[in-house]
Amino acid sequence: MRSNSVTFLAIVFISLSLAVTWSTLSVDVTDELSVGEKWKSTKALVEAECDQHNIVLNKSVAMSEVNIDKASTVNVANRSDEFDYILNYSCVGLTEHCDDVVIVDTLPEGIAFIAASSSTPGTSISFSNNIVTATFSQGNGTGLDSGSTGQLVIKVVVESDSDFEDKINTGYIESSNAGSAEEADTMTVVSDNVETNYTYVEQFDVNKYLAFNIMPGGFGEFGISPLNSGLNSINNIVITDTLPKEFVLHSIFATMQPGTNADYEISVILENDLNTWIPIITGNTSSSQFHEI
């Protein structure tokens, strides 16, 4: 029997369901509340009651909310260096799609556009006057599906005459029915001819996030992104993620960002046998793998 422990060396999206039985509870949300307040009110009610009752939402509450987070693949760069801005976006909702979704990213002065790509099928990306714009065709035809997540990667280069300064870049997402959100990232352009007096520390980070909130009996996705922010390669990395007993593992998807030089293996550990790993996905920089449990 497979346990709930998963070991991997890649960006992984894990589909889960909560094995909880619901019965009856009324949820009334007034029309005067905003989209964000509706979501928070319902979520707070469920969290307050689910430990004591079996619950079912017997009133359909249409609500959704767009979210975005942003980071650059480097903290410091020299003139003519290339790097990526990575924007993770999502449509958080129970049933309602996010309509008319637009992502806008204005590049800082001294940063030049090379290319951009999105993980969401049907995305249209344009670039003009230093502004990257992405529109979508899912949901009701102009947005994102309820509960969906995606990633927009913008490849850029520091211009040869860029000023040596902090470059602040903000990603903005907006929807006609699901609000808006924004997040900024700061990286610094430095001169490679100037001596510095600081000590550089190698660092390896793992960012884990829940793509959208999980309702009992529903599905959710966890994303886990390892990032080597040091100057040297790191070998033989093992990341272990143990799922709570209430979660059922459904599927795993793994991919590597362009430019990553690495192989990965994802394994499931047998229950009560922490020394036995069953490999289910292996891949490398040029491959993306999906496995349904």
Protein backbone atom coordinates (compact mmCIF):
# COMPACT_ATOMS: atom_id res chain seq x y z
CA MET A 1 0.00 0.00 0.00
CA ARG A 2 1.36 3.41 -0.88
CA SER A 3 1.72 5.99 1.84
CA ASN A 4 1.25 9.74 1.74
CA SER A 5 4.96 10.61 1.47
CA VAL A 6 6.25 11.96 -1.82
CA THR A 7 9.91 12.63 -2.66
CA PHE A 8 10.89 14.71 -5.67
CA LEU A 9 13.54 16.87 -7.31
CA ALA A 10 11.43 19.14 -9.50
CA ILE A 11 8.61 21.62 -9.64
CA VAL A 12 5.64 19.45 -8.68
CA PHE A 13 1.90 20.02 -8.80
CA ILE A 14 -0.01 17.52 -6.63
CA SER A 15 -3.76 17.02 -7.04
CA LEU A 16 -5.50 16.13 -3.79
CA SER A 17 -8.97 15.52 -2.42
CA LEU A 18 -10.24 15.78 1.14
CA ALA A 19 -11.96 12.60 2.28
CA VAL A 20 -14.72 14.29 4.31
CA THR A 21 -18.47 13.57 4.28
CA TRP A 22 -20.77 16.60 4.28
CA SER A 23 -24.35 16.82 5.50
CA THR A 24 -26.44 19.99 5.84
CA LEU A 25 -25.56 23.56 6.76
CA SER A 26 -27.01 26.74 5.27
CA VAL A 27 -24.61 29.44 4.10
CA ASP A 28 -26.13 32.85 3.42
CA VAL A 29 -23.97 35.52 1.80
CA THR A 30 -25.52 38.92 1.17
CA ASP A 31 -25.27 40.60 -2.20
CA GLU A 32 -23.72 43.66 -0.60
CA LEU A 33 -20.47 41.84 0.16
CA SER A 34 -17.59 42.16 -2.28
CA VAL A 35 -16.11 39.12 -4.02
CA GLY A 36 -13.19 38.96 -1.62
CA GLU A 37 -15.43 39.34 1.44
CA LYS A 38 -17.76 36.59 0.17
CA TRP A 39 -14.85 34.20 -0.14
CA LYS A 40 -13.43 35.07 3.28
CA SER A 41 -16.85 34.88 5.00
CA THR A 42 -17.66 31.45 3.58
CA LYS A 43 -14.14 30.12 4.21
CA ALA A 44 -14.21 31.36 7.83
CA LEU A 45 -17.61 29.74 8.42
CA VAL A 46 -16.49 26.38 7.05
CA GLU A 47 -13.26 26.42 9.05
CA ALA A 48 -15.14 27.28 12.25
CA GLU A 49 -17.67 24.46 11.89
CA CYS A 50 -15.93 21.58 10.07
CA ASP A 51 -14.29 20.14 13.21
CA GLN A 52 -17.67 19.70 14.94
CA HIS A 53 -20.16 18.97 12.14
CA ASN A 54 -20.58 17.23 8.83
CA ILE A 55 -21.26 20.13 6.46
CA VAL A 56 -22.61 20.67 2.97
CA LEU A 57 -22.97 24.04 1.27
CA ASN A 58 -26.63 23.75 0.19
CA LYS A 59 -26.69 27.24 -1.33
CA SER A 60 -24.61 27.95 -4.42
CA VAL A 61 -22.44 31.01 -3.77
CA ALA A 62 -20.90 32.31 -6.99
CA MET A 63 -17.55 33.90 -6.20
CA SER A 64 -14.02 33.97 -7.47
CA GLU A 65 -10.78 35.86 -6.92
CA VAL A 66 -7.62 36.34 -8.97
CA ASN A 67 -4.19 36.15 -7.33
CA ILE A 68 -0.62 36.71 -8.51
CA ASP A 69 2.87 36.43 -7.10
CA LYS A 70 6.08 37.46 -8.82
CA ALA A 71 9.82 36.85 -8.54
CA SER A 72 12.94 37.17 -10.68
CA THR A 73 15.40 34.31 -11.10
CA VAL A 74 18.28 36.53 -9.93
CA ASN A 75 18.69 39.07 -7.16
CA VAL A 76 21.74 40.73 -8.72
CA ALA A 77 22.77 41.01 -12.39
CA ASN A 78 25.42 42.68 -14.54
CA ARG A 79 24.88 44.53 -17.78
CA SER A 80 24.04 42.12 -20.67
CA ASP A 81 22.95 39.37 -18.25
CA GLU A 82 19.77 37.47 -19.08
CA PHE A 83 17.21 36.33 -16.49
CA ASP A 84 13.50 35.55 -16.10
CA TYR A 85 10.60 37.21 -14.35
CA ILE A 86 8.21 34.47 -13.15
CA LEU A 87 4.56 35.30 -12.42
CA ASN A 88 2.38 32.62 -10.80
CA TYR A 89 -1.33 33.37 -11.16
CA SER A 90 -4.58 31.66 -10.13
CA CYS A 91 -8.36 31.89 -10.25
CA VAL A 92 -9.56 31.04 -6.73
CA GLY A 93 -13.23 30.08 -6.56
CA LEU A 94 -15.78 27.42 -5.76
CA THR A 95 -17.74 27.40 -9.04
CA GLU A 96 -17.47 30.74 -10.82
CA HIS A 97 -14.82 31.27 -13.50
CA CYS A 98 -12.66 34.40 -13.60
CA ASP A 99 -13.77 36.42 -16.64
CA ASP A 100 -11.88 38.92 -18.83
CA VAL A 101 -8.55 38.19 -17.15
CA VAL A 102 -5.59 40.38 -18.16
CA ILE A 103 -2.03 40.31 -16.81
CA VAL A 104 0.07 43.44 -17.40
CA ASP A 105 3.79 43.73 -16.64
CA THR A 106 5.74 46.92 -17.38
CA LEU A 107 9.47 46.28 -17.61
CA PRO A 108 11.77 48.72 -15.77
CA GLU A 109 13.98 51.11 -17.72
CA GLY A 110 17.22 49.38 -18.69
CA ILE A 111 15.59 45.92 -18.91
CA ALA A 112 14.86 44.65 -22.46
CA PHE A 113 12.28 42.06 -23.48
CA ILE A 114 13.39 38.82 -25.18
CA ALA A 115 10.40 36.43 -25.08
CA ALA A 116 7.47 35.29 -22.95
CA SER A 117 5.46 32.10 -22.49
CA SER A 118 2.49 30.91 -20.43
CA SER A 119 1.59 27.46 -19.11
CA THR A 120 -2.13 28.10 -19.75
CA PRO A 121 -3.27 26.83 -23.17
CA GLY A 122 -4.74 29.50 -25.44
CA THR A 123 -2.93 32.42 -23.81
CA SER A 124 -2.27 35.41 -26.07
CA ILE A 125 0.89 37.40 -25.21
CA SER A 126 1.86 40.76 -26.71
CA PHE A 127 4.68 43.23 -26.11
CA SER A 128 4.61 46.97 -26.86
CA ASN A 129 6.24 50.07 -25.32
CA ASN A 130 8.01 47.93 -22.73
CA ILE A 131 4.70 46.43 -21.57
CA VAL A 132 3.97 42.68 -21.60
CA THR A 133 0.25 41.87 -21.81
CA ALA A 134 -1.31 38.41 -21.46
CA THR A 135 -4.98 37.57 -22.12
CA PHE A 136 -6.73 34.23 -21.76
CA SER A 137 -9.41 32.14 -23.48
CA GLN A 138 -10.56 29.68 -20.81
CA GLY A 139 -13.46 29.91 -18.33
CA ASN A 140 -16.31 31.58 -20.21
CA GLY A 141 -14.01 32.29 -23.16
CA THR A 142 -12.05 35.32 -21.97
CA GLY A 143 -10.53 34.25 -18.68
CA LEU A 144 -9.47 31.40 -16.42
CA ASP A 145 -11.27 28.29 -15.18
CA SER A 146 -12.39 28.26 -11.57
CA GLY A 147 -9.63 26.72 -9.47
CA SER A 148 -7.00 26.94 -12.20
CA THR A 149 -3.39 28.03 -11.81
CA GLY A 150 -0.70 29.03 -14.28
CA GLN A 151 2.71 30.58 -14.76
CA LEU A 152 3.86 33.40 -17.03
CA VAL A 153 7.62 33.46 -17.70
CA ILE A 154 9.14 36.65 -19.16
CA LYS A 155 12.74 36.34 -20.38
CA VAL A 156 14.67 39.64 -20.33
CA VAL A 157 18.20 41.01 -20.63
CA VAL A 158 19.92 43.88 -18.82
CA GLU A 159 20.75 46.54 -21.42
CA SER A 160 24.43 47.31 -22.00
CA ASP A 161 23.99 50.93 -20.86
CA SER A 162 21.63 50.26 -17.95
CA ASP A 163 22.12 52.31 -14.79
CA PHE A 164 23.54 50.49 -11.77
CA GLU A 165 20.48 50.54 -9.53
CA ASP A 166 17.54 48.62 -8.13
CA LYS A 167 15.01 47.61 -10.77
CA ILE A 168 11.46 47.40 -9.40
CA ASN A 169 9.03 45.47 -11.56
CA THR A 170 5.32 44.98 -10.79
CA GLY A 171 3.01 42.30 -12.17
CA TYR A 172 -0.70 43.17 -12.24
CA ILE A 173 -3.72 40.87 -12.82
CA GLU A 174 -7.31 42.02 -13.28
CA SER A 175 -10.67 40.33 -13.90
CA SER A 176 -14.11 41.79 -14.60
CA ASN A 177 -15.75 39.65 -11.89
CA ALA A 178 -12.88 38.46 -9.67
CA GLY A 179 -11.09 41.61 -8.56
CA SER A 180 -7.43 42.40 -9.10
CA ALA A 181 -4.03 41.83 -7.50
CA GLU A 182 -0.44 42.91 -7.94
CA GLU A 183 3.02 42.07 -6.65
CA ALA A 184 6.40 43.73 -7.14
CA ASP A 185 9.90 42.27 -7.42
CA THR A 186 13.22 44.05 -6.96
CA MET A 187 16.56 43.04 -8.46
CA THR A 188 19.77 45.07 -8.64
CA VAL A 189 22.02 45.84 -11.59
CA VAL A 190 25.66 46.08 -10.46
CA SER A 191 28.97 46.71 -12.18
CA ASP A 192 31.17 43.65 -12.60
CA ASN A 193 34.21 45.97 -12.48
CA VAL A 194 33.53 47.27 -8.97
CA GLU A 195 35.00 45.44 -6.00
CA THR A 196 32.52 44.58 -3.29
CA ASN A 197 33.18 44.13 0.41
CA TYR A 198 30.41 41.68 1.23
CA THR A 199 30.58 37.91 1.61
CA TYR A 200 28.30 36.02 -0.75
CA VAL A 201 26.37 33.15 0.83
CA GLU A 202 25.25 30.17 -1.23
CA GLN A 203 21.54 29.56 -0.73
CA PHE A 204 19.00 26.92 -1.75
CA ASP A 205 15.31 27.67 -1.23
CA VAL A 206 12.10 25.70 -1.62
CA ASN A 207 8.85 27.57 -2.16
CA LYS A 208 5.69 25.60 -1.43
CA TYR A 209 2.27 27.08 -2.06
CA LEU A 210 -1.36 26.02 -2.21
CA ALA A 211 -2.70 26.93 -5.63
CA PHE A 212 -6.21 27.47 -4.29
CA ASN A 213 -8.16 26.74 -1.12
CA ILE A 214 -9.43 23.16 -0.72
CA MET A 215 -13.02 22.56 0.31
CA PRO A 216 -13.87 19.21 2.02
CA GLY A 217 -14.65 16.71 -0.71
CA GLY A 218 -12.96 18.89 -3.34
CA PHE A 219 -9.66 18.97 -5.18
CA GLY A 220 -6.58 21.11 -4.66
CA GLU A 221 -3.05 21.51 -5.98
CA PHE A 222 0.17 22.08 -4.11
CA GLY A 223 3.11 23.53 -6.03
CA ILE A 224 6.69 23.08 -4.85
CA SER A 225 9.47 25.09 -6.53
CA PRO A 226 13.14 24.54 -5.61
CA LEU A 227 15.43 27.49 -6.36
CA ASN A 228 19.23 27.61 -6.28
CA SER A 229 20.06 31.29 -5.74
CA GLY A 230 23.78 30.62 -5.32
CA LEU A 231 26.64 30.90 -7.79
CA ASN A 232 27.47 27.18 -7.90
CA SER A 233 25.61 24.04 -8.96
CA ILE A 234 24.01 21.86 -6.29
CA ASN A 235 23.89 18.09 -6.74
CA ASN A 236 21.90 15.21 -5.26
CA ILE A 237 19.07 17.26 -3.77
CA VAL A 238 16.29 15.34 -2.03
CA ILE A 239 13.03 17.09 -1.12
CA THR A 240 10.47 15.13 0.89
CA ASP A 241 6.82 16.15 1.24
CA THR A 242 4.50 14.25 3.61
CA LEU A 243 0.78 14.64 3.01
CA PRO A 244 -1.72 14.86 5.89
CA LYS A 245 -3.73 11.68 6.49
CA GLU A 246 -6.94 13.42 5.32
CA PHE A 247 -5.51 13.91 1.80
CA VAL A 248 -5.65 11.37 -1.02
CA LEU A 249 -2.90 11.60 -3.62
CA HIS A 250 -4.37 11.67 -7.15
CA SER A 251 -1.67 12.78 -9.58
CA ILE A 252 1.75 14.41 -9.88
CA PHE A 253 3.14 16.70 -12.58
CA ALA A 254 6.81 17.63 -12.82
CA THR A 255 8.66 20.06 -15.09
CA MET A 256 11.90 22.05 -15.17
CA GLN A 257 12.28 25.71 -16.06
CA PRO A 258 14.12 26.42 -19.34
CA GLY A 259 17.85 26.64 -18.74
CA THR A 260 17.81 24.25 -15.79
CA ASN A 261 20.51 21.60 -16.10
CA ALA A 262 19.15 18.79 -13.96
CA ASP A 263 17.60 15.36 -13.88
CA TYR A 264 14.81 14.56 -11.45
CA GLU A 265 13.06 11.54 -9.96
CA ILE A 266 9.80 11.45 -8.04
CA SER A 267 9.07 8.50 -5.78
CA VAL A 268 6.29 7.29 -3.50
CA ILE A 269 7.32 5.74 -0.18
CA LEU A 270 5.60 2.52 0.86
CA GLU A 271 3.49 2.77 4.00
CA ASN A 272 5.43 1.89 7.18
CA ASP A 273 8.60 1.36 5.15
CA LEU A 274 10.56 4.60 4.94
CA ASN A 275 13.48 2.85 3.23
CA THR A 276 11.52 1.72 0.16
CA TRP A 277 10.93 4.29 -2.57
CA ILE A 278 8.95 3.41 -5.69
CA PRO A 279 10.02 5.70 -8.58
CA ILE A 280 7.00 6.86 -10.59
CA ILE A 281 8.40 9.77 -12.61
CA THR A 282 11.88 10.43 -13.98
CA GLY A 283 12.82 13.26 -16.32
CA ASN A 284 15.25 16.00 -17.23
CA THR A 285 15.44 19.58 -18.44
CA SER A 286 13.72 18.90 -21.76
CA SER A 287 10.79 16.86 -20.46
CA SER A 288 7.55 17.37 -18.56
CA GLN A 289 5.95 14.35 -16.94
CA PHE A 290 2.44 13.64 -15.62
CA HIS A 291 1.51 10.61 -13.53
CA GLU A 292 -1.95 9.71 -12.26
CA ILE A 293 -1.94 7.61 -9.11
